[in-house]
Protein backbone atom coordinates (compact mmCIF):
# COMPACT_ATOMS: atom_id res chain seq x y z
CA MET A 1 -13.35 5.31 -11.46
CA PRO A 2 -16.49 6.57 -9.58
CA SER A 3 -17.67 10.00 -10.42
CA ILE A 4 -16.98 13.03 -8.16
CA ILE A 5 -20.35 14.51 -7.36
CA VAL A 6 -20.93 17.97 -5.67
CA PRO A 7 -24.68 18.07 -4.86
CA ASN A 8 -26.73 21.25 -5.69
CA GLY A 9 -26.83 23.51 -2.84
CA SER A 10 -23.83 22.12 -1.12
CA GLY A 11 -22.35 25.50 -0.43
CA LEU A 12 -18.91 24.39 -1.19
CA SER A 13 -16.44 27.17 -2.26
CA PRO A 14 -14.18 26.52 -5.32
CA THR A 15 -11.32 25.94 -2.97
CA GLN A 16 -13.43 23.46 -0.94
CA VAL A 17 -14.32 21.59 -4.06
CA GLN A 18 -10.59 21.31 -4.94
CA GLU A 19 -9.85 19.93 -1.59
CA GLN A 20 -12.71 17.32 -1.96
CA VAL A 21 -11.19 16.36 -5.40
CA PHE A 22 -7.69 15.98 -3.84
CA SER A 23 -9.19 13.82 -1.04
CA HIS A 24 -11.12 11.68 -3.49
CA TYR A 25 -8.08 10.95 -5.81
CA ALA A 26 -5.54 10.46 -3.14
CA GLU A 27 -7.57 8.47 -0.51
CA ARG A 28 -10.45 6.78 -2.41
CA ASP A 29 -8.91 6.30 -5.88
CA ASN A 30 -5.30 5.32 -5.04
CA TRP A 31 -4.46 1.76 -5.72
CA TYR A 32 -4.34 0.63 -2.11
CA SER A 33 -7.65 2.22 -1.01
CA ARG A 34 -9.50 -1.13 -1.09
CA PHE A 35 -7.21 -2.35 1.73
CA VAL A 36 -7.47 0.62 4.13
CA GLY A 37 -9.52 0.51 7.33
CA THR A 38 -9.36 1.94 10.91
CA GLY A 39 -9.24 -1.30 12.87
CA PRO A 40 -6.47 -3.94 13.37
CA GLU A 41 -8.29 -6.37 11.08
CA ALA A 42 -7.66 -4.01 8.10
CA ILE A 43 -4.75 -4.80 5.66
CA ILE A 44 -3.65 -1.15 6.04
CA GLN A 45 -4.59 0.34 9.41
CA LYS A 46 -5.45 3.97 9.30
CA LEU A 47 -4.33 5.64 12.56
CA THR A 48 -6.47 8.76 13.19
CA GLU A 49 -4.97 10.08 16.44
CA LEU A 50 -3.05 12.94 14.73
CA GLU A 51 -5.95 14.17 12.48
CA LYS A 52 -7.42 16.39 15.12
CA GLY A 53 -4.49 17.15 17.48
CA PRO A 54 -0.88 18.20 17.54
CA GLY A 55 2.19 15.89 17.17
CA ASP A 56 4.07 14.18 14.36
CA THR A 57 4.39 10.61 15.85
CA VAL A 58 1.84 7.86 16.47
CA LYS A 59 2.68 4.59 18.15
CA VAL A 60 0.76 1.40 17.63
CA THR A 61 0.98 -1.67 19.82
CA LEU A 62 1.35 -5.11 18.19
CA PHE A 63 0.87 -8.26 20.24
CA ALA A 64 2.63 -11.59 19.93
CA LYS A 65 0.29 -14.67 20.38
CA LEU A 66 0.08 -16.41 23.69
CA SER A 67 2.11 -19.63 23.86
CA GLY A 68 1.69 -20.92 27.44
CA PRO A 69 0.18 -24.41 27.93
CA GLY A 70 -2.42 -23.36 30.50
CA LYS A 71 -3.62 -25.53 33.36
CA ASP A 72 -5.76 -28.69 33.50
CA GLY A 73 -8.55 -29.67 35.87
CA ASP A 74 -8.23 -28.03 39.40
CA ALA A 75 -4.56 -27.14 38.99
CA VAL A 76 -3.86 -23.73 40.39
CA LEU A 77 -3.95 -21.04 37.71
CA GLU A 78 -3.11 -18.08 39.95
CA THR A 79 0.61 -17.00 39.68
CA ASN A 80 0.79 -19.13 36.49
CA GLU A 81 -0.71 -16.55 34.22
CA GLU A 82 0.95 -15.58 30.97
CA ALA A 83 1.96 -11.94 30.43
CA PRO A 84 1.04 -10.71 26.88
CA VAL A 85 4.11 -9.81 24.93
CA ALA A 86 3.69 -6.36 23.32
CA TYR A 87 5.70 -4.57 20.80
CA GLN A 88 5.46 -0.94 19.74
CA ASP A 89 5.99 0.37 16.22
CA THR A 90 6.33 4.12 15.48
CA LEU A 91 5.02 5.96 12.43
CA ILE A 92 6.12 9.58 11.80
CA ILE A 93 4.19 12.01 9.59
CA ASP A 94 5.43 15.02 7.62
CA GLN A 95 4.13 17.74 5.21
CA LYS A 96 4.04 16.92 1.50
CA ARG A 97 3.40 19.74 -1.10
CA HIS A 98 3.29 20.03 -4.93
CA ALA A 99 2.20 22.76 -7.31
CA ASP A 100 1.74 23.64 -10.83
CA ARG A 101 1.44 27.01 -12.57
CA VAL A 102 -0.37 28.14 -15.77
CA ALA A 103 1.94 30.39 -17.89
CA GLY A 104 -0.60 33.14 -18.32
CA LYS A 105 -4.08 34.29 -19.41
CA MET A 106 -3.24 34.16 -23.06
CA THR A 107 -2.04 30.48 -22.70
CA ASN A 108 -5.51 29.73 -21.14
CA GLN A 109 -7.28 31.68 -23.93
CA ARG A 110 -5.44 29.66 -26.67
CA SER A 111 -6.39 26.27 -25.31
CA ALA A 112 -9.51 24.27 -26.14
CA VAL A 113 -9.59 23.10 -22.52
CA LYS A 114 -9.82 25.04 -19.32
CA ILE A 115 -6.26 24.83 -18.14
CA TYR A 116 -6.98 26.31 -14.80
CA LYS A 117 -9.46 23.53 -14.14
CA GLU A 118 -7.14 20.85 -15.47
CA ALA A 119 -4.17 22.03 -13.47
CA SER A 120 -6.08 21.52 -10.25
CA MET A 121 -7.33 18.11 -11.39
CA LEU A 122 -3.73 17.04 -12.32
CA LEU A 123 -2.70 17.76 -8.78
CA GLY A 124 -5.31 15.50 -7.41
CA MET A 125 -4.03 12.69 -9.70
CA TRP A 126 -0.45 13.43 -8.69
CA GLY A 127 -1.50 12.91 -5.00
CA ARG A 128 -3.01 9.54 -5.89
CA ASP A 129 -0.01 8.32 -7.79
CA TRP A 130 2.41 9.61 -5.11
CA MET A 131 0.55 7.86 -2.32
CA SER A 132 0.23 4.63 -4.34
CA GLU A 133 3.99 4.55 -5.06
CA LEU A 134 4.89 5.44 -1.47
CA ILE A 135 3.05 2.40 -0.17
CA SER A 136 4.39 0.08 -2.80
CA VAL A 137 8.09 0.86 -2.08
CA TYR A 138 7.59 0.66 1.73
CA TYR A 139 6.02 -2.78 1.33
CA ALA A 140 8.88 -3.91 -0.72
CA GLY A 141 11.51 -2.24 1.46
CA ARG A 142 13.26 -0.70 -1.54
CA ARG A 143 12.60 1.89 -4.24
CA GLY A 144 14.02 -0.32 -7.00
CA THR A 145 14.74 0.48 -10.60
CA ARG A 146 11.21 0.91 -12.16
CA THR A 147 11.25 4.05 -14.31
CA GLY A 148 8.36 6.56 -14.86
CA LEU A 149 7.53 6.88 -11.12
CA ILE A 150 7.25 10.11 -9.09
CA LEU A 151 9.49 8.84 -6.45
CA PRO A 152 13.21 9.18 -7.49
CA THR A 153 15.37 6.13 -7.64
CA SER A 154 17.36 7.74 -4.79
CA PHE A 155 14.34 7.57 -2.44
CA THR A 156 15.03 5.96 0.89
CA SER A 157 12.51 7.44 3.33
CA PHE A 158 9.70 9.87 3.82
CA ALA A 159 9.08 11.67 7.15
CA GLY A 160 11.93 9.80 8.80
CA ASN A 161 10.29 6.35 8.26
CA ALA A 162 13.20 4.44 6.63
CA LEU A 163 12.57 1.66 4.06
CA GLN A 164 13.14 -1.76 5.64
CA THR A 165 13.85 -4.82 3.65
CA SER A 166 12.05 -7.94 4.55
CA ASP A 167 13.65 -10.38 6.97
CA ALA A 168 14.66 -14.02 6.05
CA ALA A 169 11.68 -15.61 7.76
CA HIS A 170 9.33 -13.51 5.69
CA THR A 171 11.09 -13.81 2.33
CA LEU A 172 11.19 -16.43 -0.44
CA TRP A 173 13.54 -16.28 -3.35
CA ALA A 174 12.65 -18.09 -6.51
CA GLY A 175 14.90 -20.78 -7.84
CA ALA A 176 16.25 -24.16 -6.66
CA ALA A 177 18.72 -22.66 -4.29
CA GLY A 178 16.12 -20.41 -2.58
CA THR A 179 18.65 -17.53 -2.24
CA GLU A 180 19.27 -14.17 -3.67
CA ALA A 181 22.63 -15.30 -5.10
CA GLY A 182 21.18 -18.39 -6.59
CA MET A 183 18.23 -16.96 -8.26
CA THR A 184 18.35 -16.61 -12.08
CA ALA A 185 16.38 -14.63 -14.72
CA GLY A 186 14.54 -17.80 -15.63
CA ASP A 187 13.09 -18.29 -12.18
CA THR A 188 9.88 -16.51 -12.94
CA PHE A 189 6.60 -16.21 -11.13
CA SER A 190 4.37 -19.36 -11.06
CA THR A 191 1.63 -21.26 -9.27
CA ALA A 192 4.31 -23.60 -8.02
CA LEU A 193 6.03 -20.67 -6.31
CA ILE A 194 2.77 -19.57 -4.73
CA ASP A 195 2.38 -23.15 -3.33
CA LEU A 196 5.90 -23.03 -1.86
CA MET A 197 5.33 -19.58 -0.42
CA ASP A 198 1.99 -20.87 1.10
CA ARG A 199 3.77 -23.57 2.92
CA GLN A 200 6.26 -21.04 4.46
CA ILE A 201 3.50 -18.63 5.51
CA ASN A 202 1.58 -21.66 7.17
CA LEU A 203 4.73 -22.65 9.00
CA LEU A 204 4.78 -19.03 10.52
CA ILE A 205 1.62 -19.92 12.38
CA ASN A 206 3.91 -21.74 14.84
CA SER A 207 5.91 -18.62 15.36
CA GLY A 208 5.25 -15.90 17.95
CA THR A 209 3.82 -13.55 15.35
CA PRO A 210 1.77 -15.51 12.85
CA MET A 211 0.17 -13.67 9.92
CA LYS A 212 -3.48 -13.07 10.20
CA PHE A 213 -5.79 -12.59 7.20
CA PRO A 214 -9.31 -11.29 6.45
CA LYS A 215 -12.02 -13.95 5.96
CA ARG A 216 -14.74 -14.47 3.44
CA ASN A 217 -17.47 -16.92 4.39
CA GLY A 218 -15.26 -18.11 7.26
CA GLU A 219 -12.29 -18.92 5.00
CA GLU A 220 -9.11 -16.89 4.94
CA ILE A 221 -8.40 -14.73 1.87
CA ARG A 222 -4.80 -13.77 1.37
CA PRO A 223 -4.14 -10.73 -0.93
CA LEU A 224 -1.07 -11.26 -3.11
CA LYS A 225 0.09 -8.19 -5.00
CA ILE A 226 2.45 -8.81 -7.88
CA THR A 227 4.15 -6.64 -10.48
CA PRO A 228 2.87 -6.43 -14.13
CA GLU A 229 5.98 -8.40 -15.18
CA GLN A 230 5.15 -11.24 -12.83
CA TRP A 231 1.50 -11.12 -14.01
CA TYR A 232 2.73 -11.60 -17.54
CA ASP A 233 4.55 -14.79 -16.59
CA LEU A 234 1.76 -16.13 -14.44
CA GLN A 235 -0.72 -15.81 -17.30
CA ARG A 236 1.55 -18.26 -19.23
CA ASP A 237 1.51 -20.84 -16.43
CA PRO A 238 -0.76 -23.76 -17.70
CA SER A 239 -1.88 -24.48 -14.19
CA TRP A 240 -3.05 -20.89 -13.71
CA VAL A 241 -4.82 -20.84 -16.97
CA ALA A 242 -6.65 -24.12 -16.27
CA ALA A 243 -7.77 -22.92 -12.83
CA GLN A 244 -9.11 -19.68 -14.05
CA GLN A 245 -11.03 -21.40 -16.81
CA SER A 246 -12.59 -23.60 -14.29
CA ALA A 247 -13.45 -20.81 -11.92
CA GLY A 248 -14.99 -18.58 -14.63
CA GLU A 249 -16.95 -15.57 -13.56
CA ARG A 250 -17.52 -17.04 -10.14
CA GLY A 251 -13.95 -16.53 -9.11
CA ALA A 252 -13.97 -12.73 -9.75
CA LYS A 253 -17.36 -12.25 -8.10
CA ASN A 254 -16.14 -14.06 -5.00
CA ALA A 255 -13.04 -11.94 -4.55
CA LEU A 256 -12.94 -10.26 -1.09
CA PHE A 257 -11.51 -7.06 -2.46
CA THR A 258 -12.33 -5.49 -5.80
CA GLY A 259 -9.86 -5.58 -8.58
CA ALA A 260 -8.46 -9.14 -8.13
CA LYS A 261 -7.36 -10.74 -11.44
CA GLY A 262 -8.07 -14.18 -10.19
CA SER A 263 -7.43 -16.65 -7.28
CA TRP A 264 -5.10 -19.50 -6.60
CA LYS A 265 -5.71 -21.66 -3.55
CA GLY A 266 -7.03 -18.87 -1.47
CA TYR A 267 -4.70 -16.17 -2.65
CA ASP A 268 -6.40 -13.27 -4.56
CA ILE A 269 -4.03 -11.90 -7.12
CA PHE A 270 -3.68 -8.06 -7.58
CA VAL A 271 -1.40 -6.41 -10.16
CA ASP A 272 0.29 -3.30 -8.78
CA PRO A 273 1.40 -0.98 -11.63
CA ALA A 274 4.12 0.47 -9.37
CA GLY A 275 5.29 -2.97 -8.08
CA VAL A 276 8.99 -2.86 -7.34
CA LEU A 277 11.74 -4.07 -9.80
CA PHE A 278 15.35 -4.30 -8.66
CA ALA A 279 18.68 -5.85 -9.44
CA THR A 280 19.89 -8.75 -7.22
CA SER A 281 23.33 -9.22 -5.87
CA GLY A 282 23.92 -11.39 -8.90
CA SER A 283 22.79 -8.73 -11.34
CA VAL A 284 19.52 -10.52 -12.10
CA SER A 285 16.60 -8.33 -13.03
CA ALA A 286 14.04 -9.19 -10.25
CA ALA A 287 10.46 -8.27 -9.31
CA SER A 288 9.09 -8.21 -5.81
CA ALA A 289 5.60 -9.51 -4.82
CA GLN A 290 4.00 -9.27 -1.38
CA VAL A 291 1.29 -11.16 0.52
CA LEU A 292 -0.48 -8.64 2.79
CA GLY A 293 -1.94 -9.69 6.09
CA CYS A 294 -4.07 -7.85 8.66
CA GLN A 295 -2.30 -4.65 10.08
CA SER A 296 0.54 -5.06 7.67
CA GLY A 297 0.71 -1.36 6.84
CA LEU A 298 0.29 1.68 9.04
CA LEU A 299 -1.12 4.96 7.58
CA ALA A 300 -1.65 8.32 9.33
CA PHE A 301 -2.66 11.90 8.47
CA GLY A 302 -2.35 15.06 10.30
CA GLY A 303 -4.78 18.00 10.31
CA VAL A 304 -3.67 20.65 7.87
CA GLU A 305 -4.21 24.14 9.07
CA GLY A 306 -6.63 26.02 6.91
CA ALA A 307 -7.94 22.88 5.27
CA SER A 308 -11.77 22.42 5.08
CA GLU A 309 -13.92 19.41 6.07
CA ALA A 310 -14.66 18.97 2.44
CA GLY A 311 -11.38 17.13 2.22
CA GLY A 312 -11.59 15.79 5.70
CA GLY A 313 -9.24 18.47 6.96
CA LYS A 314 -6.36 16.59 5.57
CA TRP A 315 -5.95 18.20 2.16
CA LEU A 316 -5.37 21.88 1.52
CA ALA A 317 -5.85 23.58 -1.86
CA VAL A 318 -3.91 26.76 -2.40
CA LYS A 319 -4.35 29.17 -5.35
CA ASP A 320 -1.94 32.04 -5.86
CA THR A 321 -1.22 34.60 -8.55
CA PHE A 322 2.10 35.90 -10.03
CA ASP A 323 3.39 38.44 -12.49
CA TYR A 324 0.70 41.01 -11.57
CA GLY A 325 -2.13 38.51 -11.71
CA ASN A 326 -1.27 37.14 -15.18
CA GLN A 327 -0.10 33.60 -13.92
CA THR A 328 -2.10 31.32 -11.70
CA GLY A 329 -0.60 28.63 -9.53
CA PHE A 330 -2.31 25.73 -7.67
CA ALA A 331 -0.78 23.82 -4.75
CA ILE A 332 -1.68 20.67 -2.97
CA VAL A 333 -0.78 20.23 0.72
CA THR A 334 -1.07 17.28 3.02
CA ILE A 335 0.50 15.80 6.19
CA CYS A 336 0.89 12.09 6.23
CA GLY A 337 3.12 8.99 6.69
CA PHE A 338 3.21 5.36 5.84
CA LYS A 339 5.30 2.29 6.86
CA LYS A 340 4.91 -1.44 6.90
CA ALA A 341 4.36 -2.73 10.40
CA ARG A 342 7.39 -4.38 12.11
CA ILE A 343 7.70 -6.43 15.31
CA ASN A 344 11.15 -6.81 16.83
CA SER A 345 12.91 -6.21 13.56
CA THR A 346 10.83 -8.56 11.61
CA ASP A 347 7.88 -7.90 9.18
CA HIS A 348 4.56 -8.19 11.16
CA ALA A 349 2.18 -9.33 8.44
CA VAL A 350 3.99 -9.06 5.05
CA PHE A 351 5.53 -11.96 3.15
CA THR A 352 7.76 -11.11 0.19
CA LEU A 353 8.31 -13.32 -2.87
CA ASN A 354 11.16 -12.27 -5.17
CA THR A 355 11.42 -13.66 -8.68
CA GLY A 356 13.02 -13.29 -12.02
CA TYR A 357 10.77 -12.09 -15.00
CA THR A 358 10.44 -12.33 -18.64
CA ALA A 359 12.00 -9.18 -20.19
């Protein structure tokens, strides 16, 4: 993780330093930060309209591709124009807060570490983990059964943005049947499944809303995020092992985004520690992977009243005292929202691969 540096003479107050730390952890150190950008070519498009003004809703326009045949030679084009088909998706933002409290001055005195300082740092790490988990479950369209997360297993939405499961055209189930009911625990993640998924994604090119991907040296790179359980199974696939041995260090150095574990036929593999696990309709323990295209996710922040520019105006640090000044509490405050982009009730640029996994 890169160091947090406050230059000499910066003039930042302790509260502003805390807000800078919050921003660093939650925005630049969260698992998805490598994919965030402000334009439509970004994997996660950061919408900035609400950061400096009022409102809790931002709309983004997504276009279907043109499909008309055009005109040849001197054939009249006027009155034969094709009207672009546009869809709007809506993202809502809401306030999120969390706090911790140090028991008292004697507790701080007994400790070998400065609990006051650590309490603030822990909130920054909490913001990072909460944001990463939020994005993971929205991409999968379900909270799932993974334990140890901040988000409760009962989680269904934040800020009114409901979780949405992937549609049939953007989903592949492992197994010979290719269905949820037909998948077994032995239908684990493999290079053969990546090949099959690649075929289906390529067929989407002929649909009205094909997936677009970022490019490296003129070639598409398709980020594929998988769970740790799927990564375990992939590492035991002989085809994967042979391909990585052949690629050597060159494969990792050529990755478009940092942190890729390796590549298979244009798919850069990333392991998401909060990747979703769930039980299928047939009671099979399953794991959910996603290929992420351009503009697959929508992220927005609101301006938090009282927050300084040290944290971009999006993260507020609050310090308060209790019990006649004996106890000290710290709070983190932000206003934000995330959802995966959808066009006409279908995923815009997300393809989901559900598999069994080795327990």
